Amino acid sequence: MKLEKEILKENGLTNIDELIDSQFGKPGTPKREMFRKEARTYVNGHAKVPECRNSQRKRE
């Protein structure tokens, strides 16, 4: 049975947890917590734009 890393590598994919760890540090580190805070702010701000608010209505 192939390991997850082997499957990802064969398909040209990257493990998102490893990528975030390499870019922003392990969970609990100051750099990682700053990233989480900024990401949360961005996502919450984006949810307030009209296109996002109205997207649920368009699907119905």
PDB file of N, CA and C in Angstrom:
ATOM      1  N   MET A   1       0.846  -1.181   0.000  1.00  0.00           N
ATOM      2  CA  MET A   1       0.000   0.000   0.000  1.00  0.00           C
ATOM      3  C   MET A   1       0.892   1.246   0.000  1.00  0.00           C
ATOM      4  N   LYS A   2       0.563   2.201  -0.836  1.00  0.00           N
ATOM      5  CA  LYS A   2       1.359   3.418  -0.946  1.00  0.00           C
ATOM      6  C   LYS A   2       1.051   4.368   0.202  1.00  0.00           C
ATOM      7  N   LEU A   3       2.082   5.068   0.604  1.00  0.00           N
ATOM      8  CA  LEU A   3       1.917   6.085   1.629  1.00  0.00           C
ATOM      9  C   LEU A   3       1.312   7.343   1.020  1.00  0.00           C
ATOM     10  N   GLU A   4       0.690   8.134   1.865  1.00  0.00           N
ATOM     11  CA  GLU A   4       0.055   9.373   1.403  1.00  0.00           C
ATOM     12  C   GLU A   4       1.056  10.264   0.672  1.00  0.00           C
ATOM     13  N   LYS A   5       2.281  10.381   1.218  1.00  0.00           N
ATOM     14  CA  LYS A   5       3.291  11.235   0.588  1.00  0.00           C
ATOM     15  C   LYS A   5       3.623  10.757  -0.821  1.00  0.00           C
ATOM     16  N   GLU A   6       3.702   9.443  -1.007  1.00  0.00           N
ATOM     17  CA  GLU A   6       4.010   8.891  -2.330  1.00  0.00           C
ATOM     18  C   GLU A   6       2.894   9.199  -3.318  1.00  0.00           C
ATOM     19  N   ILE A   7       1.664   9.046  -2.885  1.00  0.00           N
ATOM     20  CA  ILE A   7       0.510   9.313  -3.753  1.00  0.00           C
ATOM     21  C   ILE A   7       0.476  10.785  -4.142  1.00  0.00           C
ATOM     22  N   LEU A   8       0.688  11.661  -3.166  1.00  0.00           N
ATOM     23  CA  LEU A   8       0.693  13.094  -3.452  1.00  0.00           C
ATOM     24  C   LEU A   8       1.796  13.443  -4.446  1.00  0.00           C
ATOM     25  N   LYS A   9       2.998  12.905  -4.220  1.00  0.00           N
ATOM     26  CA  LYS A   9       4.133  13.208  -5.093  1.00  0.00           C
ATOM     27  C   LYS A   9       3.883  12.723  -6.516  1.00  0.00           C
ATOM     28  N   GLU A  10       3.345  11.516  -6.668  1.00  0.00           N
ATOM     29  CA  GLU A  10       3.067  10.957  -7.994  1.00  0.00           C
ATOM     30  C   GLU A  10       2.078  11.821  -8.773  1.00  0.00           C
ATOM     31  N   ASN A  11       1.167  12.456  -8.067  1.00  0.00           N
ATOM     32  CA  ASN A  11       0.136  13.263  -8.708  1.00  0.00           C
ATOM     33  C   ASN A  11       0.469  14.754  -8.732  1.00  0.00           C
ATOM     34  N   GLY A  12       1.686  15.102  -8.319  1.00  0.00           N
ATOM     35  CA  GLY A  12       2.103  16.502  -8.339  1.00  0.00           C
ATOM     36  C   GLY A  12       1.364  17.370  -7.343  1.00  0.00           C
ATOM     37  N   LEU A  13       0.948  16.779  -6.227  1.00  0.00           N
ATOM     38  CA  LEU A  13       0.183  17.505  -5.210  1.00  0.00           C
ATOM     39  C   LEU A  13       1.038  17.763  -3.978  1.00  0.00           C
ATOM     40  N   THR A  14       0.611  18.696  -3.156  1.00  0.00           N
ATOM     41  CA  THR A  14       1.306  19.048  -1.927  1.00  0.00           C
ATOM     42  C   THR A  14       0.350  18.906  -0.752  1.00  0.00           C
ATOM     43  N   ASN A  15       0.841  18.352   0.343  1.00  0.00           N
ATOM     44  CA  ASN A  15       0.056  18.257   1.564  1.00  0.00           C
ATOM     45  C   ASN A  15      -0.102  19.670   2.124  1.00  0.00           C
ATOM     46  N   ILE A  16      -1.337  20.126   2.258  1.00  0.00           N
ATOM     47  CA  ILE A  16      -1.586  21.512   2.670  1.00  0.00           C
ATOM     48  C   ILE A  16      -1.068  21.793   4.077  1.00  0.00           C
ATOM     49  N   ASP A  17      -1.134  20.821   4.970  1.00  0.00           N
ATOM     50  CA  ASP A  17      -0.629  21.026   6.328  1.00  0.00           C
ATOM     51  C   ASP A  17       0.881  21.260   6.311  1.00  0.00           C
ATOM     52  N   GLU A  18       1.600  20.470   5.512  1.00  0.00           N
ATOM     53  CA  GLU A  18       3.047  20.640   5.417  1.00  0.00           C
ATOM     54  C   GLU A  18       3.402  21.980   4.777  1.00  0.00           C
ATOM     55  N   LEU A  19       2.642  22.380   3.782  1.00  0.00           N
ATOM     56  CA  LEU A  19       2.891  23.658   3.119  1.00  0.00           C
ATOM     57  C   LEU A  19       2.701  24.823   4.087  1.00  0.00           C
ATOM     58  N   ILE A  20       1.607  24.815   4.820  1.00  0.00           N
ATOM     59  CA  ILE A  20       1.351  25.899   5.775  1.00  0.00           C
ATOM     60  C   ILE A  20       2.397  25.890   6.886  1.00  0.00           C
ATOM     61  N   ASP A  21       2.773  24.699   7.370  1.00  0.00           N
ATOM     62  CA  ASP A  21       3.817  24.611   8.396  1.00  0.00           C
ATOM     63  C   ASP A  21       5.125  25.216   7.894  1.00  0.00           C
ATOM     64  N   SER A  22       5.487  24.930   6.639  1.00  0.00           N
ATOM     65  CA  SER A  22       6.758  25.435   6.107  1.00  0.00           C
ATOM     66  C   SER A  22       6.714  26.943   5.882  1.00  0.00           C
ATOM     67  N   GLN A  23       5.561  27.481   5.531  1.00  0.00           N
ATOM     68  CA  GLN A  23       5.445  28.909   5.249  1.00  0.00           C
ATOM     69  C   GLN A  23       5.222  29.748   6.505  1.00  0.00           C
ATOM     70  N   PHE A  24       4.457  29.208   7.469  1.00  0.00           N
ATOM     71  CA  PHE A  24       4.031  30.016   8.610  1.00  0.00           C
ATOM     72  C   PHE A  24       4.378  29.416   9.967  1.00  0.00           C
ATOM     73  N   GLY A  25       5.084  28.310  10.001  1.00  0.00           N
ATOM     74  CA  GLY A  25       5.471  27.687  11.256  1.00  0.00           C
ATOM     75  C   GLY A  25       4.415  26.717  11.765  1.00  0.00           C
ATOM     76  N   LYS A  26       4.787  26.001  12.797  1.00  0.00           N
ATOM     77  CA  LYS A  26       3.886  25.018  13.401  1.00  0.00           C
ATOM     78  C   LYS A  26       2.757  25.722  14.154  1.00  0.00           C
ATOM     79  N   PRO A  27       1.620  25.027  14.353  1.00  0.00           N
ATOM     80  CA  PRO A  27       0.519  25.617  15.122  1.00  0.00           C
ATOM     81  C   PRO A  27       0.990  26.053  16.512  1.00  0.00           C
ATOM     82  N   GLY A  28       0.538  27.227  16.914  1.00  0.00           N
ATOM     83  CA  GLY A  28       0.895  27.755  18.227  1.00  0.00           C
ATOM     84  C   GLY A  28       2.043  28.745  18.201  1.00  0.00           C
ATOM     85  N   THR A  29       2.803  28.790  17.097  1.00  0.00           N
ATOM     86  CA  THR A  29       3.899  29.753  17.016  1.00  0.00           C
ATOM     87  C   THR A  29       3.335  31.135  16.687  1.00  0.00           C
ATOM     88  N   PRO A  30       4.029  32.195  17.085  1.00  0.00           N
ATOM     89  CA  PRO A  30       3.515  33.549  16.826  1.00  0.00           C
ATOM     90  C   PRO A  30       3.246  33.820  15.340  1.00  0.00           C
ATOM     91  N   LYS A  31       4.146  33.368  14.466  1.00  0.00           N
ATOM     92  CA  LYS A  31       3.968  33.602  13.033  1.00  0.00           C
ATOM     93  C   LYS A  31       2.712  32.898  12.517  1.00  0.00           C
ATOM     94  N   ARG A  32       2.477  31.672  12.980  1.00  0.00           N
ATOM     95  CA  ARG A  32       1.299  30.907  12.545  1.00  0.00           C
ATOM     96  C   ARG A  32       0.020  31.556  13.058  1.00  0.00           C
ATOM     97  N   GLU A  33       0.026  31.998  14.300  1.00  0.00           N
ATOM     98  CA  GLU A  33      -1.163  32.632  14.870  1.00  0.00           C
ATOM     99  C   GLU A  33      -1.485  33.947  14.160  1.00  0.00           C
ATOM    100  N   MET A  34      -0.459  34.697  13.757  1.00  0.00           N
ATOM    101  CA  MET A  34      -0.679  35.932  13.005  1.00  0.00           C
ATOM    102  C   MET A  34      -1.304  35.595  11.650  1.00  0.00           C
ATOM    103  N   PHE A  35      -0.813  34.545  11.004  1.00  0.00           N
ATOM    104  CA  PHE A  35      -1.390  34.108   9.730  1.00  0.00           C
ATOM    105  C   PHE A  35      -2.860  33.741   9.903  1.00  0.00           C
ATOM    106  N   ARG A  36      -3.172  32.971  10.934  1.00  0.00           N
ATOM    107  CA  ARG A  36      -4.557  32.559  11.176  1.00  0.00           C
ATOM    108  C   ARG A  36      -5.459  33.771  11.401  1.00  0.00           C
ATOM    109  N   LYS A  37      -4.960  34.735  12.154  1.00  0.00           N
ATOM    110  CA  LYS A  37      -5.741  35.943  12.430  1.00  0.00           C
ATOM    111  C   LYS A  37      -5.997  36.726  11.143  1.00  0.00           C
ATOM    112  N   GLU A  38      -4.954  36.907  10.331  1.00  0.00           N
ATOM    113  CA  GLU A  38      -5.106  37.643   9.074  1.00  0.00           C
ATOM    114  C   GLU A  38      -6.013  36.897   8.099  1.00  0.00           C
ATOM    115  N   ALA A  39      -5.882  35.579   8.039  1.00  0.00           N
ATOM    116  CA  ALA A  39      -6.724  34.782   7.138  1.00  0.00           C
ATOM    117  C   ALA A  39      -8.186  34.871   7.561  1.00  0.00           C
ATOM    118  N   ARG A  40      -8.436  34.786   8.849  1.00  0.00           N
ATOM    119  CA  ARG A  40      -9.806  34.873   9.361  1.00  0.00           C
ATOM    120  C   ARG A  40     -10.411  36.243   9.046  1.00  0.00           C
ATOM    121  N   THR A  41      -9.621  37.295   9.223  1.00  0.00           N
ATOM    122  CA  THR A  41     -10.085  38.648   8.913  1.00  0.00           C
ATOM    123  C   THR A  41     -10.418  38.773   7.433  1.00  0.00           C
ATOM    124  N   TYR A  42      -9.565  38.231   6.572  1.00  0.00           N
ATOM    125  CA  TYR A  42      -9.799  38.291   5.127  1.00  0.00           C
ATOM    126  C   TYR A  42     -11.078  37.556   4.749  1.00  0.00           C
ATOM    127  N   VAL A  43     -11.238  36.336   5.260  1.00  0.00           N
ATOM    128  CA  VAL A  43     -12.419  35.533   4.921  1.00  0.00           C
ATOM    129  C   VAL A  43     -13.686  36.206   5.431  1.00  0.00           C
ATOM    130  N   ASN A  44     -13.665  36.683   6.654  1.00  0.00           N
ATOM    131  CA  ASN A  44     -14.847  37.345   7.206  1.00  0.00           C
ATOM    132  C   ASN A  44     -15.181  38.615   6.443  1.00  0.00           C
ATOM    133  N   GLY A  45     -14.171  39.352   6.010  1.00  0.00           N
ATOM    134  CA  GLY A  45     -14.407  40.557   5.225  1.00  0.00           C
ATOM    135  C   GLY A  45     -14.968  40.231   3.858  1.00  0.00           C
ATOM    136  N   HIS A  46     -14.475  39.161   3.245  1.00  0.00           N
ATOM    137  CA  HIS A  46     -14.956  38.757   1.923  1.00  0.00           C
ATOM    138  C   HIS A  46     -16.411  38.307   1.994  1.00  0.00           C
ATOM    139  N   ALA A  47     -16.793  37.714   3.096  1.00  0.00           N
ATOM    140  CA  ALA A  47     -18.168  37.228   3.239  1.00  0.00           C
ATOM    141  C   ALA A  47     -19.175  38.371   3.250  1.00  0.00           C
ATOM    142  N   LYS A  48     -18.699  39.579   3.462  1.00  0.00           N
ATOM    143  CA  LYS A  48     -19.602  40.727   3.536  1.00  0.00           C
ATOM    144  C   LYS A  48     -19.821  41.407   2.189  1.00  0.00           C
ATOM    145  N   VAL A  49     -19.049  41.012   1.165  1.00  0.00           N
ATOM    146  CA  VAL A  49     -19.237  41.647  -0.146  1.00  0.00           C
ATOM    147  C   VAL A  49     -20.536  41.145  -0.762  1.00  0.00           C
ATOM    148  N   PRO A  50     -21.216  41.980  -1.526  1.00  0.00           N
ATOM    149  CA  PRO A  50     -22.530  41.610  -2.081  1.00  0.00           C
ATOM    150  C   PRO A  50     -22.524  40.306  -2.882  1.00  0.00           C
ATOM    151  N   GLU A  51     -21.470  40.073  -3.652  1.00  0.00           N
ATOM    152  CA  GLU A  51     -21.427  38.860  -4.466  1.00  0.00           C
ATOM    153  C   GLU A  51     -21.484  37.610  -3.598  1.00  0.00           C
ATOM    154  N   CYS A  52     -20.799  37.654  -2.485  1.00  0.00           N
ATOM    155  CA  CYS A  52     -20.775  36.498  -1.592  1.00  0.00           C
ATOM    156  C   CYS A  52     -22.094  36.364  -0.837  1.00  0.00           C
ATOM    157  N   ARG A  53     -22.625  37.472  -0.368  1.00  0.00           N
ATOM    158  CA  ARG A  53     -23.895  37.430   0.366  1.00  0.00           C
ATOM    159  C   ARG A  53     -25.019  36.911  -0.509  1.00  0.00           C
ATOM    160  N   ASN A  54     -25.024  37.292  -1.765  1.00  0.00           N
ATOM    161  CA  ASN A  54     -26.105  36.912  -2.669  1.00  0.00           C
ATOM    162  C   ASN A  54     -25.896  35.558  -3.332  1.00  0.00           C
ATOM    163  N   SER A  55     -24.740  34.942  -3.149  1.00  0.00           N
ATOM    164  CA  SER A  55     -24.450  33.689  -3.845  1.00  0.00           C
ATOM    165  C   SER A  55     -25.409  32.574  -3.429  1.00  0.00           C
ATOM    166  N   GLN A  56     -25.849  32.560  -2.194  1.00  0.00           N
ATOM    167  CA  GLN A  56     -26.780  31.526  -1.749  1.00  0.00           C
ATOM    168  C   GLN A  56     -28.139  31.694  -2.412  1.00  0.00           C
ATOM    169  N   ARG A  57     -28.550  32.911  -2.608  1.00  0.00           N
ATOM    170  CA  ARG A  57     -29.848  33.163  -3.248  1.00  0.00           C
ATOM    171  C   ARG A  57     -29.844  32.715  -4.699  1.00  0.00           C
ATOM    172  N   LYS A  58     -28.738  32.882  -5.386  1.00  0.00           N
ATOM    173  CA  LYS A  58     -28.645  32.517  -6.800  1.00  0.00           C
ATOM    174  C   LYS A  58     -28.736  31.011  -6.998  1.00  0.00           C
ATOM    175  N   ARG A  59     -28.310  30.240  -6.015  1.00  0.00           N
ATOM    176  CA  ARG A  59     -28.296  28.781  -6.137  1.00  0.00           C
ATOM    177  C   ARG A  59     -29.677  28.170  -5.980  1.00  0.00           C
ATOM    178  N   GLU A  60     -30.569  28.863  -5.326  1.00  0.00           N
ATOM    179  CA  GLU A  60     -31.890  28.296  -5.029  1.00  0.00           C
ATOM    180  C   GLU A  60     -32.745  28.150  -6.254  1.00  0.00           C
TER     181      GLU A  60
END
